[in-house]
Amino acid sequence: MSAFVQKLKLELSSGVSLAFWAGLIFFVALTGPFGTYAAYSFAQRFLAVTPLLAAIMLVGVTIRVLVFSALPTWRFRWATVLNAALASLIIAPMLDQFLHRISPADTVSYPGLAELMLLVFSLSLGLSSLRRTVAATTQPPAAAELAPETPAPEPAAPRLPRLLQRLDAADPGVLWSISVRDHYVDVQTSTGVNSLLMRLSDAIAETDPVEGAQIHRSHWVAWAAVQGVERDGAKLFVAVQGGARLPVSKNHRDKLVARGLL
């Protein structure tokens, strides 16, 4: 019942419906059909037709809400015919009684009850079709069926430092440190130690994108591999993953300070 009341309130408060019925009341009062134009003033006609058409609106909307709520949407044609039939049976007698009382003289002709029923039936069918057409044209287009979601591409693997590309290994691992040994550099990674014949400065130039710094004239360390700082008297060391301890020169200690390690 609450759903019916809500639908009825929605229909009665619709701006389109109110504008239509207000326009109809003004039109009937202005034109004065069935001899009322000459017999009554505009104000009299307006006062006479306003309650009648308001009652017709209330009855018609109630019938339509009842019928279209009771029948499924795919039964639109049956609902339209049933709505028109009920409207003609209820509204036509209301119009007939009104015309009997409003007509200024017996000589004025007006439609009989059967004609009024046919008129109401036809108008109801037309209004239902018009409402359906307007609803179809104003309804936003249905969203297109979404294409099957394609799996998101896997994130690209981190760019391998050029230094690690020199190593003869299918998986060189993660770069931890570089240390000088004679004319070679020992490249310490998470998979082990590999030696390359090159200068330390050249090896450091090929560590990008790994963040690190040279901490001694013979050592470079990746910051992510540093596990802590150790002191041995006046000497300073960094503990690196894998168990190595690399010395830190005095002129490189400011780099540890900048990283918050000291």
Protein backbone atom coordinates (compact mmCIF):
# COMPACT_ATOMS: atom_id res chain seq x y z
CA MET A 1 0.00 0.00 0.00
CA SER A 2 2.83 2.37 0.81
CA ALA A 3 4.33 1.79 -2.63
CA PHE A 4 1.00 2.72 -4.24
CA VAL A 5 0.73 5.90 -2.17
CA GLN A 6 4.28 6.88 -3.09
CA LYS A 7 3.61 6.36 -6.80
CA LEU A 8 0.36 8.31 -6.54
CA LYS A 9 2.11 11.23 -4.82
CA LEU A 10 4.84 11.15 -7.44
CA GLU A 11 2.33 11.28 -10.29
CA LEU A 12 0.26 14.05 -8.71
CA SER A 13 3.32 16.17 -7.97
CA SER A 14 4.83 15.71 -11.42
CA GLY A 15 5.56 19.06 -13.03
CA VAL A 16 4.51 17.78 -16.44
CA SER A 17 1.14 16.52 -15.17
CA LEU A 18 0.41 19.71 -13.24
CA ALA A 19 1.32 21.87 -16.23
CA PHE A 20 -0.92 19.77 -18.51
CA TRP A 21 -3.96 19.96 -16.26
CA ALA A 22 -3.44 23.66 -15.53
CA GLY A 23 -3.28 24.33 -19.25
CA LEU A 24 -6.41 22.23 -19.84
CA ILE A 25 -8.36 24.11 -17.16
CA PHE A 26 -7.37 27.45 -18.65
CA PHE A 27 -8.24 26.28 -22.18
CA VAL A 28 -11.71 25.01 -21.22
CA ALA A 29 -12.46 28.13 -19.19
CA LEU A 30 -11.29 30.36 -22.04
CA THR A 31 -13.17 28.64 -24.88
CA GLY A 32 -16.42 28.01 -22.96
CA PRO A 33 -17.78 24.89 -24.72
CA PHE A 34 -21.44 23.77 -24.83
CA GLY A 35 -22.90 27.29 -24.75
CA THR A 36 -21.11 28.36 -21.56
CA TYR A 37 -19.06 31.03 -23.36
CA ALA A 38 -22.05 33.31 -23.85
CA ALA A 39 -23.86 32.39 -20.64
CA TYR A 40 -21.02 32.75 -18.12
CA SER A 41 -18.04 35.03 -17.59
CA PHE A 42 -14.49 33.74 -17.73
CA ALA A 43 -14.23 33.79 -13.94
CA GLN A 44 -17.47 31.80 -13.60
CA ARG A 45 -16.32 29.24 -16.15
CA PHE A 46 -12.94 28.97 -14.45
CA LEU A 47 -14.51 28.39 -11.04
CA ALA A 48 -16.85 25.77 -12.51
CA VAL A 49 -14.36 23.66 -14.46
CA THR A 50 -11.45 23.81 -11.98
CA PRO A 51 -12.94 21.45 -9.33
CA LEU A 52 -14.32 19.15 -12.05
CA LEU A 53 -11.03 18.76 -13.90
CA ALA A 54 -9.13 18.47 -10.61
CA ALA A 55 -11.42 15.60 -9.60
CA ILE A 56 -11.01 14.00 -13.04
CA MET A 57 -7.24 14.31 -12.72
CA LEU A 58 -7.25 12.65 -9.29
CA VAL A 59 -9.51 9.81 -10.45
CA GLY A 60 -7.60 9.29 -13.70
CA VAL A 61 -4.19 9.24 -12.04
CA THR A 62 -5.44 6.85 -9.35
CA ILE A 63 -6.82 4.45 -11.95
CA ARG A 64 -3.62 4.55 -13.98
CA VAL A 65 -1.36 3.96 -10.98
CA LEU A 66 -3.54 1.03 -9.83
CA VAL A 67 -3.63 -0.61 -13.25
CA PHE A 68 -0.01 -0.14 -14.26
CA SER A 69 1.19 -1.23 -10.81
CA ALA A 70 -0.89 -4.40 -10.92
CA LEU A 71 0.19 -5.51 -14.40
CA PRO A 72 3.79 -6.20 -15.48
CA THR A 73 5.47 -3.77 -17.87
CA TRP A 74 5.42 -6.28 -20.74
CA ARG A 75 1.60 -6.21 -20.51
CA PHE A 76 1.53 -2.55 -21.51
CA ARG A 77 -1.17 -2.97 -24.17
CA TRP A 78 -3.51 -4.80 -21.82
CA ALA A 79 -2.86 -2.25 -19.08
CA THR A 80 -3.58 0.60 -21.50
CA VAL A 81 -6.92 -0.90 -22.58
CA LEU A 82 -7.95 -1.70 -19.00
CA ASN A 83 -6.99 1.79 -17.86
CA ALA A 84 -9.02 3.37 -20.67
CA ALA A 85 -12.04 1.16 -19.94
CA LEU A 86 -12.08 1.98 -16.22
CA ALA A 87 -11.59 5.68 -16.94
CA SER A 88 -14.52 5.72 -19.36
CA LEU A 89 -16.77 3.93 -16.85
CA ILE A 90 -15.96 6.35 -14.01
CA ILE A 91 -15.05 9.69 -15.60
CA ALA A 92 -17.69 9.77 -18.37
CA PRO A 93 -20.64 9.78 -15.89
CA MET A 94 -18.94 12.62 -14.00
CA LEU A 95 -18.76 14.65 -17.20
CA ASP A 96 -22.35 13.78 -18.08
CA GLN A 97 -23.69 15.01 -14.74
CA PHE A 98 -21.60 18.17 -15.01
CA LEU A 99 -22.94 18.98 -18.48
CA HIS A 100 -26.52 18.46 -17.32
CA ARG A 101 -26.04 21.07 -14.61
CA ILE A 102 -23.79 23.59 -16.35
CA SER A 103 -25.65 23.93 -19.66
CA PRO A 104 -27.40 27.32 -19.75
CA ALA A 105 -30.45 26.12 -21.73
CA ASP A 106 -32.15 22.91 -22.77
CA THR A 107 -31.64 23.84 -26.41
CA VAL A 108 -27.85 23.48 -26.09
CA SER A 109 -26.68 20.12 -27.41
CA TYR A 110 -23.89 18.17 -25.76
CA PRO A 111 -22.62 14.60 -26.11
CA GLY A 112 -24.60 11.77 -24.57
CA LEU A 113 -23.18 9.33 -22.03
CA ALA A 114 -22.16 6.77 -24.68
CA GLU A 115 -20.36 9.42 -26.69
CA LEU A 116 -18.61 10.69 -23.57
CA MET A 117 -17.49 7.15 -22.70
CA LEU A 118 -16.06 6.70 -26.20
CA LEU A 119 -14.37 10.10 -25.96
CA VAL A 120 -12.79 9.34 -22.58
CA PHE A 121 -11.73 5.86 -23.77
CA SER A 122 -10.03 7.30 -26.87
CA LEU A 123 -8.34 10.13 -24.98
CA SER A 124 -7.06 7.69 -22.35
CA LEU A 125 -5.53 5.44 -25.01
CA GLY A 126 -3.90 8.43 -26.65
CA LEU A 127 -2.50 9.80 -23.39
CA SER A 128 -1.05 6.41 -22.43
CA SER A 129 0.66 6.09 -25.80
CA LEU A 130 1.94 9.65 -25.57
CA ARG A 131 3.36 9.07 -22.09
CA ARG A 132 5.13 5.91 -23.25
CA THR A 133 6.60 7.72 -26.26
CA VAL A 134 7.83 10.63 -24.16
CA ALA A 135 9.32 8.27 -21.58
CA ALA A 136 11.14 6.33 -24.31
CA THR A 137 12.61 9.48 -25.87
CA THR A 138 13.68 11.08 -22.59
CA GLN A 139 15.07 7.94 -20.99
CA PRO A 140 18.87 7.92 -21.08
CA PRO A 141 20.30 5.28 -23.39
CA ALA A 142 21.15 2.03 -21.72
CA ALA A 143 24.78 1.67 -20.95
CA ALA A 144 26.56 -0.38 -23.55
CA GLU A 145 27.50 -3.80 -22.42
CA LEU A 146 30.89 -3.66 -20.90
CA ALA A 147 33.51 -5.56 -22.78
CA PRO A 148 35.11 -8.33 -20.80
CA GLU A 149 37.77 -6.85 -18.63
CA THR A 150 41.19 -7.56 -19.96
CA PRO A 151 43.63 -8.57 -17.29
CA ALA A 152 45.81 -5.73 -16.14
CA PRO A 153 49.31 -5.97 -17.54
CA GLU A 154 51.85 -7.24 -15.11
CA PRO A 155 54.04 -4.50 -13.69
CA ALA A 156 57.29 -4.16 -15.55
CA ALA A 157 60.28 -5.66 -13.84
CA PRO A 158 62.67 -3.12 -12.28
CA ARG A 159 65.31 -1.93 -14.72
CA LEU A 160 68.48 -3.95 -14.29
CA PRO A 161 71.65 -1.93 -13.69
CA ARG A 162 74.01 -2.10 -16.60
CA LEU A 163 76.70 -3.41 -14.26
CA LEU A 164 74.62 -6.49 -13.48
CA GLN A 165 74.00 -7.05 -17.17
CA ARG A 166 77.71 -7.68 -17.51
CA LEU A 167 77.53 -10.64 -15.14
CA ASP A 168 77.39 -14.08 -16.64
CA ALA A 169 74.27 -15.13 -14.75
CA ALA A 170 70.66 -15.77 -15.71
CA ASP A 171 69.54 -14.12 -12.46
CA PRO A 172 72.19 -11.72 -11.18
CA GLY A 173 70.09 -10.87 -8.11
CA VAL A 174 70.06 -7.56 -6.24
CA LEU A 175 73.12 -5.34 -6.16
CA TRP A 176 74.54 -4.89 -2.64
CA SER A 177 78.09 -3.59 -2.92
CA ILE A 178 81.16 -3.17 -5.09
CA SER A 179 84.73 -3.57 -3.84
CA VAL A 180 88.12 -3.16 -5.55
CA ARG A 181 90.50 -6.13 -5.74
CA ASP A 182 93.68 -5.50 -7.73
CA HIS A 183 92.52 -4.54 -11.23
CA TYR A 184 89.12 -6.13 -10.69
CA VAL A 185 85.92 -5.16 -8.91
CA ASP A 186 84.04 -7.71 -6.85
CA VAL A 187 80.31 -7.21 -7.41
CA GLN A 188 78.38 -8.51 -4.39
CA THR A 189 74.73 -9.34 -5.12
CA SER A 190 72.04 -11.32 -3.37
CA THR A 191 73.09 -14.37 -5.39
CA GLY A 192 76.82 -14.20 -4.78
CA VAL A 193 80.06 -12.46 -5.79
CA ASN A 194 81.21 -11.90 -9.37
CA SER A 195 84.45 -10.27 -10.52
CA LEU A 196 84.79 -7.90 -13.45
CA LEU A 197 87.90 -6.40 -14.97
CA MET A 198 87.13 -2.67 -14.74
CA ARG A 199 87.74 0.43 -12.67
CA LEU A 200 85.60 1.21 -9.63
CA SER A 201 84.55 4.57 -11.06
CA ASP A 202 83.30 2.87 -14.22
CA ALA A 203 81.44 0.25 -12.20
CA ILE A 204 79.77 2.93 -10.04
CA ALA A 205 78.65 4.75 -13.19
CA GLU A 206 76.72 1.60 -14.18
CA THR A 207 74.79 1.08 -10.92
CA ASP A 208 71.76 3.22 -11.90
CA PRO A 209 68.89 2.90 -10.90
CA VAL A 210 70.14 1.43 -7.61
CA GLU A 211 70.65 4.13 -4.96
CA GLY A 212 74.01 3.98 -3.26
CA ALA A 213 77.26 5.84 -2.64
CA GLN A 214 81.00 5.38 -2.55
CA ILE A 215 81.98 5.14 1.12
CA HIS A 216 85.70 4.40 0.66
CA ARG A 217 88.23 4.69 -2.12
CA SER A 218 87.79 0.93 -2.61
CA HIS A 219 84.10 0.40 -1.76
CA TRP A 220 80.63 1.35 -2.95
CA VAL A 221 77.46 0.24 -1.16
CA ALA A 222 73.76 0.19 -2.03
CA TRP A 223 71.78 2.01 0.66
CA ALA A 224 69.09 -0.65 0.65
CA ALA A 225 71.72 -3.26 1.60
CA VAL A 226 73.03 -1.37 4.64
CA GLN A 227 71.92 -3.05 7.86
CA GLY A 228 73.70 -0.80 10.31
CA VAL A 229 76.80 1.16 11.26
CA GLU A 230 79.52 -0.27 13.50
CA ARG A 231 82.48 1.37 15.24
CA ASP A 232 85.82 -0.21 15.98
CA GLY A 233 87.75 2.38 17.89
CA ALA A 234 88.16 5.35 15.60
CA LYS A 235 87.22 3.32 12.56
CA LEU A 236 83.72 3.20 11.11
CA PHE A 237 82.13 0.34 9.21
CA VAL A 238 78.78 -0.40 7.56
CA ALA A 239 77.24 -3.82 7.98
CA VAL A 240 75.95 -5.05 4.64
CA GLN A 241 73.54 -7.84 3.84
CA GLY A 242 75.42 -11.06 3.38
CA GLY A 243 77.59 -10.42 6.45
CA ALA A 244 80.23 -8.10 4.96
CA ARG A 245 81.69 -5.13 6.88
CA LEU A 246 82.87 -2.31 4.66
CA PRO A 247 85.06 0.52 5.97
CA VAL A 248 83.94 4.13 5.73
CA SER A 249 86.53 6.83 5.03
CA LYS A 250 86.41 10.06 7.04
CA ASN A 251 85.79 12.09 3.90
CA HIS A 252 82.68 9.95 3.11
CA ARG A 253 81.07 9.93 6.58
CA ASP A 254 78.90 12.93 5.72
CA LYS A 255 77.00 10.66 3.30
CA LEU A 256 75.97 8.43 6.22
CA VAL A 257 74.95 11.50 8.19
CA ALA A 258 72.78 12.67 5.29
CA ARG A 259 71.08 9.25 5.23
CA GLY A 260 70.46 9.38 8.98
CA LEU A 261 72.77 6.46 9.68
CA LEU A 262 74.96 8.52 11.99
